[in-house]
Amino acid sequence: QVQLVESGGGWVQAGGSLRLSCAASGRTFSPYAMGWFRQAPGKEREFVAATRWSGGITYYADSVKGRFTISRDNAKNTVYLQMNSLKPEDTAVYYCASRKSTMLGSSYYYPNNYDYWGQGTQVTVSS
């Protein structure tokens, strides 16, 4: 079994920055990809960013391109989401997720394609 634990959320004013971390544990942790999703009150969970665990591929939602950066530290089994120039519309619970097997292209964008999820961390951006 794989456990994912997010941290780094909090309250920030518009224009500020936060760095989220997602630490993975479990003897079977060997993902193909890791992703970040978010869910605002009354809305569906939406894709934010994803990366192939071996590197070389990253994807971003249009709404965060140029502001957010996903990165990973394979030795620490940790994936990060650096969030800059935050906007009030970025307010949500942010979740990390992992995918065990190969997936291609647009599959990264869909939460149903991920196998394990963290419990989420709240990000609140005030105007």
Foldseek 3Di string as FASTA:
>chain_A
DKAKAKDWADEEAAQAKIKMKIFMDDPPDDFQKKFKWWDDPPDDIWGAKMAGPVGDDMDGDPVQPPFWDWDDDVVRRMIMIIGGRDDQVVWTWMKMFTAHDDDDDPLRTDPVRTDDMHPTDTHGYHD
